[in-house]
Each structure stands twice: as structure tokens, then as C-alpha cells.
Amino acid sequence: MAKPSSAAGYPKEVTENCERVLVTLLRGLGPWKNSVYLVGGLTPRYLVPKLPAGKAPHGGTGDVDIVVELQMLADTEAYHSLEDNLKKMGFERAENDKGDKLNWRWQTKTESGVTIILELLAEDPKVSGGKVQPLPTKGNISALNIPHSSMVFDHHEEKEIRAELLGGGGVAIEKVRHADLVSFTCLKAFALDQRHENKDAHDIVFCIENAGGGLDKAAEAFRSARTGKWGKVVEDAIGILRKRFADDDETEGYRKDGSVAAARFEIEGDDPEAREARARRQRVVSDLIGRLLKAIS
């Protein structure tokens, strides 16, 4: 399912309802809520809780992507807890472009009629070649195998968030475990490399540009991760950033597809003013990623 190509496709109300879905889901999972980790387009809301002055807000999201521990799908009690909670929230299995029901993508409508997508992700080392594919299941719920997604178990932060529960259940406060800047950037870099969605480029750039502590702190986090358990994955992701955004001997970074994708997501229009604004933004984006890569190395 293709994502909107620009920020205009993500109304603020939709993003806020995604947060409501997340809090409602966590509220009903009991002890298994500690086996759920947020990744994807809702994560910047927590990686950048306070936007620096003069910066444009994040483009938003229309879905909730969570990585679940494999044992949650294998444990009967946890499995039924997840399934029962989805049913209580009014979720039903979503369909792909062919009309087939999916066990890993679910959808619901809020009271205002907004459709929210929930995607269940996991990483199973037994899947041959680390392919992106649904994991086998005997029931109604499965997860989409995403290579390297389990790095979020080691690279995450925790935030306490509050939101109105779906169904008028009042305001609830829950602690969410979400990808940190390193794992978020890595997973988004792999996604950008595979599917070339404008929003993936925007998500990467927004968080690197606005995360607390600036580029120096970001670079320090990447340098530390390069020497750890996920060092090879981090190196590969850095290589993707270099390929998609940075200058090389043949092509200036602002002309590369990652820089163009981020600018196109953020700035719409085909008039001369809009084209000039995108060209300027492409240079800013490329320079930002270039400075990060230099600071890391």
C-alpha cells in the first residue's frame, strides 16, 4: 500500500488518532506490553518531543508500526491477549491490492471516521535470506518479517504518553518503548533503499535535523553503535545514507534521490517558487546528512 507522497496527505488529526490507537493497544496488553516496540512514522513524535524554534513540524503518519517479540506470537496467552485486544478496539484484517486479507496488517475507524492502520512486525532469524515476508501462522494474527527490526530491542527509549482511549474510555497514561535515533534511522534507511517512498526520506531527515543534542550527539550515538552488537547493520545503514544523500565523485548530494524525495514530501507545487524552494531544501538536506557522516567518521 503506497503512502501519500507529501505531507498534505497526513492531517494532524490522523497522527493524533494513531497515538490513541497505540495507547489503547498498550492499555489492554497487560504484562505483554513490554514485548511491543514502536517503530515507523509515529516514532518522530517521541524522538523530537520539542521542536526547535523556526523548524517545520513532522509530516505525521497514518499508521502504527510495532515490532513484537517472537515469543508473543508463540505464547498462547499472549497471542490471545493481542487478538482479543484488537477485536475490542474494532480492528479487522486489512486487505492488500488484490483483496486478500492480511494477518499482519489491521485497520480500524475512529469515532470521527478516520481509518488507522496497525502493522505487526517481527524478525525471525529462521526466515531464509532475511526476506520481507509474512511469518507463518495457524491463527488470525501474524507479523511481517522485517530484517534487522529486532535491533530495536537493544536500541530504544521509553516515553510516558497520554491519550484518549478509543471508544470513550477516558484518558490513559502508558509507557511506550520506541526506536531510538540509531535504530529508527537504520530501519528507515533500509526501507528507503527498498521502496523509495518520499516519506521515508523525510522521516530520516526530520529526526536527524531536530533531535535533541544536535549532530554531535547523533554522531556519538552512531559511533557507539558501530562497535556494538549491531555494528554491521549500522555500517550498512550509513552506506545507504551516503548513497542516497551525500556527495560523491560523480554526483552532488543534492541531486540524489534521497535529497529529492525529502524535499518533494515537504514542499508541494510545480510553480517556479515551489521548484526553487525544493532545490534549496535539497541542498540543505544533503549538507545535513553529509555533516552527520563526517562527524561519525
C-alpha atoms as a PDB file:
ATOM      1  CA  MET A   1       0.000   0.000   0.000  1.00  0.00           C
ATOM      2  CA  ALA A   2       1.641   3.218  -1.186  1.00  0.00           C
ATOM      3  CA  LYS A   3       1.989   6.079   1.276  1.00  0.00           C
ATOM      4  CA  PRO A   4       0.966   9.660   0.443  1.00  0.00           C
ATOM      5  CA  SER A   5       3.816  11.355  -1.402  1.00  0.00           C
ATOM      6  CA  SER A   6       3.630  14.640   0.501  1.00  0.00           C
ATOM      7  CA  ALA A   7       2.907  15.989   3.970  1.00  0.00           C
ATOM      8  CA  ALA A   8      -0.525  17.158   2.800  1.00  0.00           C
ATOM      9  CA  GLY A   9      -1.633  13.505   2.860  1.00  0.00           C
ATOM     10  CA  TYR A  10      -1.196  13.297   6.646  1.00  0.00           C
ATOM     11  CA  PRO A  11      -3.705  15.519   8.507  1.00  0.00           C
ATOM     12  CA  LYS A  12      -2.815  16.273  12.135  1.00  0.00           C
ATOM     13  CA  GLU A  13      -5.987  14.538  13.307  1.00  0.00           C
ATOM     14  CA  VAL A  14      -4.846  11.253  11.776  1.00  0.00           C
ATOM     15  CA  THR A  15      -1.498  11.320  13.597  1.00  0.00           C
ATOM     16  CA  GLU A  16      -3.235  12.095  16.896  1.00  0.00           C
ATOM     17  CA  ASN A  17      -5.575   9.155  16.352  1.00  0.00           C
ATOM     18  CA  CYS A  18      -2.578   6.906  15.726  1.00  0.00           C
ATOM     19  CA  GLU A  19      -1.362   7.825  19.189  1.00  0.00           C
ATOM     20  CA  ARG A  20      -4.786   6.954  20.595  1.00  0.00           C
ATOM     21  CA  VAL A  21      -4.583   3.546  18.915  1.00  0.00           C
ATOM     22  CA  LEU A  22      -1.141   2.944  20.390  1.00  0.00           C
ATOM     23  CA  VAL A  23      -2.183   3.867  23.928  1.00  0.00           C
ATOM     24  CA  THR A  24      -5.393   1.811  23.680  1.00  0.00           C
ATOM     25  CA  LEU A  25      -3.428  -1.198  22.464  1.00  0.00           C
ATOM     26  CA  LEU A  26      -0.860  -0.929  25.263  1.00  0.00           C
ATOM     27  CA  ARG A  27      -3.605  -0.422  27.856  1.00  0.00           C
ATOM     28  CA  GLY A  28      -5.099  -3.820  27.077  1.00  0.00           C
ATOM     29  CA  LEU A  29      -1.972  -5.953  26.756  1.00  0.00           C
ATOM     30  CA  GLY A  30      -1.161  -6.311  30.449  1.00  0.00           C
ATOM     31  CA  PRO A  31       2.366  -7.617  31.091  1.00  0.00           C
ATOM     32  CA  TRP A  32       2.863  -8.250  27.356  1.00  0.00           C
ATOM     33  CA  LYS A  33       3.011  -4.525  26.654  1.00  0.00           C
ATOM     34  CA  ASN A  34       6.737  -4.784  27.464  1.00  0.00           C
ATOM     35  CA  SER A  35       7.135  -7.007  24.393  1.00  0.00           C
ATOM     36  CA  VAL A  36       5.927  -4.286  21.999  1.00  0.00           C
ATOM     37  CA  TYR A  37       8.197  -1.623  20.467  1.00  0.00           C
ATOM     38  CA  LEU A  38       7.151   1.303  18.312  1.00  0.00           C
ATOM     39  CA  VAL A  39       8.951   1.947  15.034  1.00  0.00           C
ATOM     40  CA  GLY A  40       7.847   3.731  11.868  1.00  0.00           C
ATOM     41  CA  GLY A  41       6.292   7.116  11.234  1.00  0.00           C
ATOM     42  CA  LEU A  42       4.780   7.759  14.670  1.00  0.00           C
ATOM     43  CA  THR A  43       8.202   7.500  16.326  1.00  0.00           C
ATOM     44  CA  PRO A  44       9.415  11.043  15.450  1.00  0.00           C
ATOM     45  CA  ARG A  45       6.640  12.359  17.708  1.00  0.00           C
ATOM     46  CA  TYR A  46       8.660  10.998  20.644  1.00  0.00           C
ATOM     47  CA  LEU A  47      12.205  11.299  19.294  1.00  0.00           C
ATOM     48  CA  VAL A  48      11.582  15.039  18.846  1.00  0.00           C
ATOM     49  CA  PRO A  49       9.167  15.951  21.659  1.00  0.00           C
ATOM     50  CA  LYS A  50      10.069  19.645  21.425  1.00  0.00           C
ATOM     51  CA  LEU A  51      10.604  21.177  18.008  1.00  0.00           C
ATOM     52  CA  PRO A  52      13.444  23.728  17.761  1.00  0.00           C
ATOM     53  CA  ALA A  53      12.299  27.278  17.071  1.00  0.00           C
ATOM     54  CA  GLY A  54      11.670  28.026  13.422  1.00  0.00           C
ATOM     55  CA  LYS A  55      11.626  24.395  12.290  1.00  0.00           C
ATOM     56  CA  ALA A  56       8.760  22.844  10.335  1.00  0.00           C
ATOM     57  CA  PRO A  57       6.786  20.140  12.172  1.00  0.00           C
ATOM     58  CA  HIS A  58       6.984  16.475  11.288  1.00  0.00           C
ATOM     59  CA  GLY A  59       4.824  15.359   8.386  1.00  0.00           C
ATOM     60  CA  GLY A  60       2.786  12.982  10.541  1.00  0.00           C
ATOM     61  CA  THR A  61       1.669   9.416   9.898  1.00  0.00           C
ATOM     62  CA  GLY A  62      -1.381   7.332   9.131  1.00  0.00           C
ATOM     63  CA  ASP A  63      -0.319   4.048  10.673  1.00  0.00           C
ATOM     64  CA  VAL A  64       1.153   2.475  13.781  1.00  0.00           C
ATOM     65  CA  ASP A  65       4.093   0.113  13.205  1.00  0.00           C
ATOM     66  CA  ILE A  66       5.101  -2.074  16.133  1.00  0.00           C
ATOM     67  CA  VAL A  67       7.786  -4.714  16.434  1.00  0.00           C
ATOM     68  CA  VAL A  68       6.707  -7.627  18.617  1.00  0.00           C
ATOM     69  CA  GLU A  69       8.927 -10.214  20.241  1.00  0.00           C
ATOM     70  CA  LEU A  70       8.548 -13.625  18.593  1.00  0.00           C
ATOM     71  CA  GLN A  71       7.580 -15.252  21.879  1.00  0.00           C
ATOM     72  CA  MET A  72       4.476 -13.059  21.916  1.00  0.00           C
ATOM     73  CA  LEU A  73       3.252 -14.811  18.769  1.00  0.00           C
ATOM     74  CA  ALA A  74       4.246 -18.232  20.120  1.00  0.00           C
ATOM     75  CA  ASP A  75       2.836 -17.907  23.639  1.00  0.00           C
ATOM     76  CA  THR A  76      -0.855 -18.866  23.664  1.00  0.00           C
ATOM     77  CA  GLU A  77      -1.826 -16.428  26.423  1.00  0.00           C
ATOM     78  CA  ALA A  78      -0.001 -13.517  24.813  1.00  0.00           C
ATOM     79  CA  TYR A  79      -1.378 -14.349  21.379  1.00  0.00           C
ATOM     80  CA  HIS A  80      -4.971 -14.383  22.596  1.00  0.00           C
ATOM     81  CA  SER A  81      -4.392 -11.215  24.618  1.00  0.00           C
ATOM     82  CA  LEU A  82      -3.268  -9.430  21.453  1.00  0.00           C
ATOM     83  CA  GLU A  83      -6.106 -10.859  19.363  1.00  0.00           C
ATOM     84  CA  ASP A  84      -8.777 -10.034  21.958  1.00  0.00           C
ATOM     85  CA  ASN A  85      -7.462  -6.505  22.332  1.00  0.00           C
ATOM     86  CA  LEU A  86      -7.564  -5.909  18.582  1.00  0.00           C
ATOM     87  CA  LYS A  87     -11.157  -7.109  18.446  1.00  0.00           C
ATOM     88  CA  LYS A  88     -12.176  -4.877  21.358  1.00  0.00           C
ATOM     89  CA  MET A  89     -10.650  -1.916  19.534  1.00  0.00           C
ATOM     90  CA  GLY A  90     -12.739  -2.713  16.471  1.00  0.00           C
ATOM     91  CA  PHE A  91      -9.802  -3.792  14.334  1.00  0.00           C
ATOM     92  CA  GLU A  92     -10.237  -6.058  11.356  1.00  0.00           C
ATOM     93  CA  ARG A  93      -7.723  -7.511   8.961  1.00  0.00           C
ATOM     94  CA  ALA A  94      -6.798  -5.145   6.152  1.00  0.00           C
ATOM     95  CA  GLU A  95      -6.615  -6.187   2.522  1.00  0.00           C
ATOM     96  CA  ASN A  96      -3.805  -5.923   0.011  1.00  0.00           C
ATOM     97  CA  ASP A  97      -4.196  -4.576  -3.517  1.00  0.00           C
ATOM     98  CA  LYS A  98      -5.515  -7.981  -4.646  1.00  0.00           C
ATOM     99  CA  GLY A  99      -8.221  -8.043  -1.997  1.00  0.00           C
ATOM    100  CA  ASP A 100      -6.526 -10.720   0.115  1.00  0.00           C
ATOM    101  CA  LYS A 101      -6.877 -10.457   3.904  1.00  0.00           C
ATOM    102  CA  LEU A 102      -3.587  -9.858   5.720  1.00  0.00           C
ATOM    103  CA  ASN A 103      -2.736 -11.337   9.125  1.00  0.00           C
ATOM    104  CA  TRP A 104      -0.113  -8.708   9.915  1.00  0.00           C
ATOM    105  CA  ARG A 105      -1.917  -5.514   8.824  1.00  0.00           C
ATOM    106  CA  TRP A 106      -5.057  -4.467  10.691  1.00  0.00           C
ATOM    107  CA  GLN A 107      -7.310  -1.447  10.433  1.00  0.00           C
ATOM    108  CA  THR A 108      -9.985   0.345  12.419  1.00  0.00           C
ATOM    109  CA  LYS A 109     -12.055   3.514  12.189  1.00  0.00           C
ATOM    110  CA  THR A 110     -12.135   6.073  14.980  1.00  0.00           C
ATOM    111  CA  GLU A 111     -15.304   7.817  16.140  1.00  0.00           C
ATOM    112  CA  SER A 112     -14.653  10.572  13.597  1.00  0.00           C
ATOM    113  CA  GLY A 113     -14.383   8.069  10.741  1.00  0.00           C
ATOM    114  CA  VAL A 114     -10.588   8.206  10.389  1.00  0.00           C
ATOM    115  CA  THR A 115      -9.063   4.892   9.246  1.00  0.00           C
ATOM    116  CA  ILE A 116      -5.933   3.888  11.161  1.00  0.00           C
ATOM    117  CA  ILE A 117      -3.600   1.097  10.075  1.00  0.00           C
ATOM    118  CA  LEU A 118      -1.751  -1.118  12.564  1.00  0.00           C
ATOM    119  CA  GLU A 119       1.150  -3.196  11.247  1.00  0.00           C
ATOM    120  CA  LEU A 120       2.694  -6.007  13.285  1.00  0.00           C
ATOM    121  CA  LEU A 121       6.379  -6.556  12.531  1.00  0.00           C
ATOM    122  CA  ALA A 122       8.967  -9.035  13.776  1.00  0.00           C
ATOM    123  CA  GLU A 123      12.305 -10.557  12.864  1.00  0.00           C
ATOM    124  CA  ASP A 124      12.637 -14.303  12.631  1.00  0.00           C
ATOM    125  CA  PRO A 125      16.236 -15.445  12.067  1.00  0.00           C
ATOM    126  CA  LYS A 126      14.897 -18.693  10.600  1.00  0.00           C
ATOM    127  CA  VAL A 127      13.453 -16.913   7.560  1.00  0.00           C
ATOM    128  CA  SER A 128      15.752 -17.714   4.650  1.00  0.00           C
ATOM    129  CA  GLY A 129      17.767 -14.796   3.339  1.00  0.00           C
ATOM    130  CA  GLY A 130      16.214 -12.290   5.711  1.00  0.00           C
ATOM    131  CA  LYS A 131      13.303 -11.716   3.352  1.00  0.00           C
ATOM    132  CA  VAL A 132      10.450  -9.280   3.942  1.00  0.00           C
ATOM    133  CA  GLN A 133       7.518 -11.672   4.090  1.00  0.00           C
ATOM    134  CA  PRO A 134       4.640 -12.668   6.396  1.00  0.00           C
ATOM    135  CA  LEU A 135       5.572 -15.155   9.098  1.00  0.00           C
ATOM    136  CA  PRO A 136       3.571 -18.407   9.064  1.00  0.00           C
ATOM    137  CA  THR A 137       0.666 -18.635  11.500  1.00  0.00           C
ATOM    138  CA  LYS A 138      -2.099 -21.060  12.442  1.00  0.00           C
ATOM    139  CA  GLY A 139      -4.418 -18.289  13.594  1.00  0.00           C
ATOM    140  CA  ASN A 140      -5.665 -14.871  12.549  1.00  0.00           C
ATOM    141  CA  ILE A 141      -2.623 -12.876  13.647  1.00  0.00           C
ATOM    142  CA  SER A 142       0.897 -12.935  12.299  1.00  0.00           C
ATOM    143  CA  ALA A 143       3.703 -10.438  11.727  1.00  0.00           C
ATOM    144  CA  LEU A 144       5.666  -9.262   8.730  1.00  0.00           C
ATOM    145  CA  ASN A 145       9.270 -10.350   8.879  1.00  0.00           C
ATOM    146  CA  ILE A 146      11.465  -7.230   8.687  1.00  0.00           C
ATOM    147  CA  PRO A 147      15.228  -7.844   8.624  1.00  0.00           C
ATOM    148  CA  HIS A 148      17.089  -6.107  11.476  1.00  0.00           C
ATOM    149  CA  SER A 149      13.880  -4.932  13.161  1.00  0.00           C
ATOM    150  CA  SER A 150      14.861  -6.691  16.400  1.00  0.00           C
ATOM    151  CA  MET A 151      17.669  -4.157  16.848  1.00  0.00           C
ATOM    152  CA  VAL A 152      15.001  -2.000  18.494  1.00  0.00           C
ATOM    153  CA  PHE A 153      15.105  -4.385  21.464  1.00  0.00           C
ATOM    154  CA  ASP A 154      18.631  -3.104  22.156  1.00  0.00           C
ATOM    155  CA  HIS A 155      18.262   0.413  20.744  1.00  0.00           C
ATOM    156  CA  HIS A 156      15.161   2.035  22.196  1.00  0.00           C
ATOM    157  CA  GLU A 157      13.958   4.751  24.535  1.00  0.00           C
ATOM    158  CA  GLU A 158      10.934   4.940  26.824  1.00  0.00           C
ATOM    159  CA  LYS A 159       8.399   7.741  26.986  1.00  0.00           C
ATOM    160  CA  GLU A 160       5.273   8.169  29.066  1.00  0.00           C
ATOM    161  CA  ILE A 161       2.406   9.315  26.868  1.00  0.00           C
ATOM    162  CA  ARG A 162      -1.246  10.044  27.460  1.00  0.00           C
ATOM    163  CA  ALA A 163      -4.170   9.907  25.067  1.00  0.00           C
ATOM    164  CA  GLU A 164      -7.929   9.455  24.946  1.00  0.00           C
ATOM    165  CA  LEU A 165      -8.741   5.761  24.657  1.00  0.00           C
ATOM    166  CA  LEU A 166     -10.764   4.615  21.679  1.00  0.00           C
ATOM    167  CA  GLY A 167     -14.426   4.079  22.484  1.00  0.00           C
ATOM    168  CA  GLY A 168     -14.632   6.914  25.002  1.00  0.00           C
ATOM    169  CA  GLY A 169     -12.746   5.081  27.731  1.00  0.00           C
ATOM    170  CA  GLY A 170     -11.162   8.219  29.134  1.00  0.00           C
ATOM    171  CA  VAL A 171      -7.569   9.437  29.152  1.00  0.00           C
ATOM    172  CA  ALA A 172      -4.938   6.788  29.825  1.00  0.00           C
ATOM    173  CA  ILE A 173      -1.235   7.109  30.543  1.00  0.00           C
ATOM    174  CA  GLU A 174       1.081   4.420  29.171  1.00  0.00           C
ATOM    175  CA  LYS A 175       4.802   3.960  28.784  1.00  0.00           C
ATOM    176  CA  VAL A 176       5.833   3.323  25.189  1.00  0.00           C
ATOM    177  CA  ARG A 177       9.112   1.771  24.127  1.00  0.00           C
ATOM    178  CA  HIS A 178      10.150   3.293  20.825  1.00  0.00           C
ATOM    179  CA  ALA A 179      13.136   3.117  18.498  1.00  0.00           C
ATOM    180  CA  ASP A 180      15.995   5.444  19.394  1.00  0.00           C
ATOM    181  CA  LEU A 181      17.619   7.670  16.787  1.00  0.00           C
ATOM    182  CA  VAL A 182      20.066   4.960  15.693  1.00  0.00           C
ATOM    183  CA  SER A 183      17.602   2.107  15.188  1.00  0.00           C
ATOM    184  CA  PHE A 184      14.966   4.422  13.721  1.00  0.00           C
ATOM    185  CA  THR A 185      17.414   5.836  11.170  1.00  0.00           C
ATOM    186  CA  CYS A 186      18.761   2.400  10.287  1.00  0.00           C
ATOM    187  CA  LEU A 187      15.337   0.828   9.737  1.00  0.00           C
ATOM    188  CA  LYS A 188      14.134   3.846   7.768  1.00  0.00           C
ATOM    189  CA  ALA A 189      17.300   3.778   5.642  1.00  0.00           C
ATOM    190  CA  PHE A 190      16.665   0.147   4.716  1.00  0.00           C
ATOM    191  CA  ALA A 191      13.030   0.968   3.930  1.00  0.00           C
ATOM    192  CA  LEU A 192      14.062   3.918   1.760  1.00  0.00           C
ATOM    193  CA  ASP A 193      16.554   1.760  -0.094  1.00  0.00           C
ATOM    194  CA  GLN A 194      13.936  -0.902  -0.817  1.00  0.00           C
ATOM    195  CA  ARG A 195      10.744   1.017  -1.599  1.00  0.00           C
ATOM    196  CA  HIS A 196      11.777   4.630  -2.309  1.00  0.00           C
ATOM    197  CA  GLU A 197       8.905   6.390  -0.522  1.00  0.00           C
ATOM    198  CA  ASN A 198       9.231  10.149  -0.114  1.00  0.00           C
ATOM    199  CA  LYS A 199       8.110   9.922   3.497  1.00  0.00           C
ATOM    200  CA  ASP A 200      10.945   7.588   4.500  1.00  0.00           C
ATOM    201  CA  ALA A 201      13.451  10.225   3.402  1.00  0.00           C
ATOM    202  CA  HIS A 202      11.540  12.925   5.273  1.00  0.00           C
ATOM    203  CA  ASP A 203      11.381  10.841   8.467  1.00  0.00           C
ATOM    204  CA  ILE A 204      15.147  10.298   8.435  1.00  0.00           C
ATOM    205  CA  VAL A 205      15.960  13.931   7.778  1.00  0.00           C
ATOM    206  CA  PHE A 206      13.445  15.327  10.267  1.00  0.00           C
ATOM    207  CA  CYS A 207      14.802  13.310  13.191  1.00  0.00           C
ATOM    208  CA  ILE A 208      18.472  13.918  12.427  1.00  0.00           C
ATOM    209  CA  GLU A 209      17.804  17.625  11.909  1.00  0.00           C
ATOM    210  CA  ASN A 210      15.745  18.156  15.069  1.00  0.00           C
ATOM    211  CA  ALA A 211      16.706  15.523  17.657  1.00  0.00           C
ATOM    212  CA  GLY A 212      17.927  16.933  20.939  1.00  0.00           C
ATOM    213  CA  GLY A 213      21.676  17.439  21.276  1.00  0.00           C
ATOM    214  CA  GLY A 214      22.292  18.226  17.634  1.00  0.00           C
ATOM    215  CA  LEU A 215      24.544  16.440  15.160  1.00  0.00           C
ATOM    216  CA  ASP A 216      27.353  15.899  17.659  1.00  0.00           C
ATOM    217  CA  LYS A 217      25.142  13.826  19.949  1.00  0.00           C
ATOM    218  CA  ALA A 218      23.668  11.953  16.988  1.00  0.00           C
ATOM    219  CA  ALA A 219      27.124  11.152  15.627  1.00  0.00           C
ATOM    220  CA  GLU A 220      28.257   9.964  19.047  1.00  0.00           C
ATOM    221  CA  ALA A 221      25.302   7.568  19.206  1.00  0.00           C
ATOM    222  CA  PHE A 222      26.128   6.137  15.783  1.00  0.00           C
ATOM    223  CA  ARG A 223      29.833   5.772  16.622  1.00  0.00           C
ATOM    224  CA  SER A 224      28.940   3.870  19.779  1.00  0.00           C
ATOM    225  CA  ALA A 225      26.505   1.611  17.929  1.00  0.00           C
ATOM    226  CA  ARG A 226      29.107   0.794  15.259  1.00  0.00           C
ATOM    227  CA  THR A 227      31.196  -1.002  17.869  1.00  0.00           C
ATOM    228  CA  GLY A 228      28.304  -2.923  19.382  1.00  0.00           C
ATOM    229  CA  LYS A 229      26.119  -5.920  18.615  1.00  0.00           C
ATOM    230  CA  TRP A 230      24.502  -4.216  15.611  1.00  0.00           C
ATOM    231  CA  GLY A 231      27.677  -2.730  14.172  1.00  0.00           C
ATOM    232  CA  LYS A 232      27.350  -4.360  10.737  1.00  0.00           C
ATOM    233  CA  VAL A 233      23.732  -3.222  10.412  1.00  0.00           C
ATOM    234  CA  VAL A 234      24.681   0.332  11.389  1.00  0.00           C
ATOM    235  CA  GLU A 235      27.527   0.353   8.839  1.00  0.00           C
ATOM    236  CA  ASP A 236      25.163  -0.817   6.115  1.00  0.00           C
ATOM    237  CA  ALA A 237      22.640   1.889   7.002  1.00  0.00           C
ATOM    238  CA  ILE A 238      25.358   4.552   6.956  1.00  0.00           C
ATOM    239  CA  GLY A 239      26.286   3.311   3.498  1.00  0.00           C
ATOM    240  CA  ILE A 240      22.692   3.816   2.354  1.00  0.00           C
ATOM    241  CA  LEU A 241      22.659   7.379   3.698  1.00  0.00           C
ATOM    242  CA  ARG A 242      25.865   8.074   1.813  1.00  0.00           C
ATOM    243  CA  LYS A 243      24.478   6.552  -1.390  1.00  0.00           C
ATOM    244  CA  ARG A 244      21.121   8.344  -1.234  1.00  0.00           C
ATOM    245  CA  PHE A 245      22.047  11.778   0.134  1.00  0.00           C
ATOM    246  CA  ALA A 246      25.758  12.601   0.098  1.00  0.00           C
ATOM    247  CA  ASP A 247      28.215  13.960  -2.463  1.00  0.00           C
ATOM    248  CA  ASP A 248      30.440  11.514  -4.303  1.00  0.00           C
ATOM    249  CA  ASP A 249      32.952  11.797  -7.125  1.00  0.00           C
ATOM    250  CA  GLU A 250      30.263  11.791  -9.815  1.00  0.00           C
ATOM    251  CA  THR A 251      27.091  13.281  -8.327  1.00  0.00           C
ATOM    252  CA  GLU A 252      26.407  16.123  -5.932  1.00  0.00           C
ATOM    253  CA  GLY A 253      24.300  15.007  -2.992  1.00  0.00           C
ATOM    254  CA  TYR A 254      21.500  17.495  -3.540  1.00  0.00           C
ATOM    255  CA  ARG A 255      20.743  15.777  -6.870  1.00  0.00           C
ATOM    256  CA  LYS A 256      20.466  12.304  -5.330  1.00  0.00           C
ATOM    257  CA  ASP A 257      17.128  10.599  -4.911  1.00  0.00           C
ATOM    258  CA  GLY A 258      17.052  10.742  -1.107  1.00  0.00           C
ATOM    259  CA  SER A 259      17.503  14.513  -1.032  1.00  0.00           C
ATOM    260  CA  VAL A 260      14.928  14.950  -3.785  1.00  0.00           C
ATOM    261  CA  ALA A 261      12.439  12.652  -2.023  1.00  0.00           C
ATOM    262  CA  ALA A 262      12.651  14.571   1.265  1.00  0.00           C
ATOM    263  CA  ALA A 263      12.166  17.918  -0.479  1.00  0.00           C
ATOM    264  CA  ARG A 264       9.239  16.640  -2.545  1.00  0.00           C
ATOM    265  CA  PHE A 265       7.497  15.350   0.560  1.00  0.00           C
ATOM    266  CA  GLU A 266       7.879  18.656   2.360  1.00  0.00           C
ATOM    267  CA  ILE A 267       7.227  21.140  -0.465  1.00  0.00           C
ATOM    268  CA  GLU A 268       4.408  20.684  -2.968  1.00  0.00           C
ATOM    269  CA  GLY A 269       3.646  22.598  -6.144  1.00  0.00           C
ATOM    270  CA  ASP A 270       5.020  22.948  -9.652  1.00  0.00           C
ATOM    271  CA  ASP A 271       5.266  26.735  -9.887  1.00  0.00           C
ATOM    272  CA  PRO A 272       8.715  28.380 -10.101  1.00  0.00           C
ATOM    273  CA  GLU A 273       8.671  29.401  -6.450  1.00  0.00           C
ATOM    274  CA  ALA A 274       7.958  25.866  -5.260  1.00  0.00           C
ATOM    275  CA  ARG A 275      10.620  24.367  -7.526  1.00  0.00           C
ATOM    276  CA  GLU A 276      13.178  26.856  -6.245  1.00  0.00           C
ATOM    277  CA  ALA A 277      12.216  26.113  -2.632  1.00  0.00           C
ATOM    278  CA  ARG A 278      12.655  22.375  -3.238  1.00  0.00           C
ATOM    279  CA  ALA A 279      16.053  22.943  -4.841  1.00  0.00           C
ATOM    280  CA  ARG A 280      17.178  24.912  -1.783  1.00  0.00           C
ATOM    281  CA  ARG A 281      15.798  22.254   0.544  1.00  0.00           C
ATOM    282  CA  GLN A 282      17.611  19.501  -1.356  1.00  0.00           C
ATOM    283  CA  ARG A 283      20.909  21.283  -0.705  1.00  0.00           C
ATOM    284  CA  VAL A 284      20.111  21.704   2.992  1.00  0.00           C
ATOM    285  CA  VAL A 285      19.188  18.025   3.295  1.00  0.00           C
ATOM    286  CA  SER A 286      22.310  16.809   1.532  1.00  0.00           C
ATOM    287  CA  ASP A 287      24.521  19.102   3.591  1.00  0.00           C
ATOM    288  CA  LEU A 288      22.895  17.867   6.816  1.00  0.00           C
ATOM    289  CA  ILE A 289      23.476  14.192   6.038  1.00  0.00           C
ATOM    290  CA  GLY A 290      26.977  14.938   4.772  1.00  0.00           C
ATOM    291  CA  ARG A 291      27.883  16.667   8.021  1.00  0.00           C
ATOM    292  CA  LEU A 292      26.486  13.766  10.034  1.00  0.00           C
ATOM    293  CA  LEU A 293      28.514  11.238   8.048  1.00  0.00           C
ATOM    294  CA  LYS A 294      31.652  13.331   8.503  1.00  0.00           C
ATOM    295  CA  ALA A 295      31.041  13.603  12.238  1.00  0.00           C
ATOM    296  CA  ILE A 296      30.511   9.844  12.517  1.00  0.00           C
ATOM    297  CA  SER A 297      33.753   9.053  10.716  1.00  0.00           C
END
